[in-house]
């Protein structure tokens, strides 16, 4: 009489798939940061880099969500739109301010 195994051989479970949600989260955080920086006079110069970073991270996050690699596509899209809505008017204002100051002292 042969002995049978009491349990089937051990099979490992497949590794869980990790979403790549970092870019979408970073886009929203940077967009909110750039919104907060607009309330400070010294922060106006930091709005542009934070906003551009928010836009870039938002684009990456939306593309990852479309490919199915990330699950926070809406968060990335909100970060992208909010970063654009804050960065473009702030850049226009700073250009207008610098041009006006240049004209006043010329």
Protein backbone atom coordinates (compact mmCIF):
# COMPACT_ATOMS: atom_id res chain seq x y z
CA UNK A 1 0.00 0.00 0.00
CA UNK A 2 1.39 3.38 -1.02
CA UNK A 3 1.02 6.41 1.12
CA UNK A 4 -0.93 9.29 -0.22
CA UNK A 5 -0.18 12.86 0.64
CA UNK A 6 -2.74 14.22 3.00
CA UNK A 7 -2.67 17.65 1.35
CA UNK A 8 -1.93 18.68 -2.22
CA UNK A 9 1.53 20.08 -2.87
CA UNK A 10 2.02 23.66 -1.81
CA UNK A 11 1.41 26.25 -4.48
CA UNK A 12 2.36 29.83 -3.89
CA UNK A 13 -0.13 32.55 -4.57
CA UNK A 14 0.64 35.00 -7.34
CA UNK A 15 2.21 38.22 -6.19
CA UNK A 16 -0.35 40.99 -5.74
CA UNK A 17 -0.32 43.67 -8.42
CA UNK A 18 0.68 47.01 -7.03
CA UNK A 19 -0.82 50.06 -8.64
CA UNK A 20 1.53 52.86 -9.58
CA UNK A 21 -0.51 55.66 -8.00
CA UNK A 22 2.37 57.90 -6.97
CA UNK A 23 2.24 60.27 -9.93
CA UNK A 24 -1.48 61.00 -9.52
CA UNK A 25 -1.12 61.61 -5.81
CA UNK A 26 1.90 63.85 -6.38
CA UNK A 27 -0.03 65.84 -9.00
CA UNK A 28 -2.84 66.61 -6.58
CA UNK A 29 -0.51 67.40 -3.68
CA UNK A 30 1.61 69.74 -5.81
CA UNK A 31 -1.49 71.44 -7.21
CA UNK A 32 -2.84 72.11 -3.72
CA UNK A 33 0.62 73.30 -2.65
CA UNK A 34 0.77 75.73 -5.56
CA UNK A 35 -2.72 76.98 -4.65
CA UNK A 36 -1.57 77.59 -1.09
CA UNK A 37 1.58 79.36 -2.32
CA UNK A 38 -0.48 81.88 -4.29
CA UNK A 39 -1.63 83.39 -1.00
CA UNK A 40 1.92 84.32 -0.02
CA UNK A 41 3.86 87.11 -1.69
CA UNK A 42 7.14 85.17 -1.57
CA UNK A 43 5.33 82.06 -2.74
CA UNK A 44 4.44 83.53 -6.13
CA UNK A 45 7.89 82.60 -7.39
CA UNK A 46 7.45 79.01 -6.19
CA UNK A 47 4.03 78.58 -7.78
CA UNK A 48 5.48 78.17 -11.26
CA UNK A 49 7.84 75.23 -10.46
CA UNK A 50 5.22 73.52 -8.29
CA UNK A 51 2.56 74.01 -10.94
CA UNK A 52 4.72 72.72 -13.77
CA UNK A 53 5.60 69.68 -11.64
CA UNK A 54 1.90 69.16 -10.94
CA UNK A 55 1.08 69.28 -14.64
CA UNK A 56 3.87 66.83 -15.49
CA UNK A 57 2.87 64.38 -12.75
CA UNK A 58 -0.78 64.71 -13.78
CA UNK A 59 0.02 63.79 -17.38
CA UNK A 60 2.02 60.76 -16.24
CA UNK A 61 -0.73 59.72 -13.82
CA UNK A 62 -3.50 60.01 -16.41
CA UNK A 63 -1.49 57.97 -18.91
CA UNK A 64 -0.82 55.27 -16.33
CA UNK A 65 -4.53 55.16 -15.45
CA UNK A 66 -5.48 54.78 -19.12
CA UNK A 67 -3.07 51.85 -19.45
CA UNK A 68 -4.51 50.26 -16.31
CA UNK A 69 -1.33 50.63 -14.27
CA UNK A 70 -2.87 53.07 -11.78
CA UNK A 71 -6.24 53.28 -10.11
CA UNK A 72 -6.37 57.00 -9.35
CA UNK A 73 -6.95 58.50 -12.78
CA UNK A 74 -9.45 61.04 -11.48
CA UNK A 75 -7.02 62.25 -8.84
CA UNK A 76 -4.34 62.67 -11.50
CA UNK A 77 -6.77 64.52 -13.75
CA UNK A 78 -7.81 66.87 -10.93
CA UNK A 79 -4.15 67.56 -10.17
CA UNK A 80 -3.48 68.23 -13.86
CA UNK A 81 -6.42 70.62 -14.27
CA UNK A 82 -5.90 72.40 -10.95
CA UNK A 83 -2.19 72.79 -11.64
CA UNK A 84 -2.94 74.26 -15.07
CA UNK A 85 -5.62 76.61 -13.76
CA UNK A 86 -3.25 77.95 -11.12
CA UNK A 87 0.02 78.03 -13.08
CA UNK A 88 -1.07 79.76 -16.29
CA UNK A 89 -2.74 82.83 -14.70
CA UNK A 90 0.07 83.16 -12.16
CA UNK A 91 2.69 83.06 -14.93
CA UNK A 92 0.74 85.69 -16.90
CA UNK A 93 0.47 87.87 -13.79
CA UNK A 94 4.19 87.61 -13.07
CA UNK A 95 5.05 88.46 -16.69
CA UNK A 96 2.69 91.46 -16.55
CA UNK A 97 4.16 92.56 -13.20
CA UNK A 98 7.77 92.27 -14.36
CA UNK A 99 7.00 94.09 -17.61
CA UNK A 100 5.21 96.85 -15.72
CA UNK A 101 8.06 97.26 -13.25
CA UNK A 102 10.54 97.28 -16.11
CA UNK A 103 8.57 100.01 -17.85
CA UNK A 104 8.29 102.06 -14.66
CA UNK A 105 12.03 102.08 -14.07
CA UNK A 106 13.12 102.46 -17.68
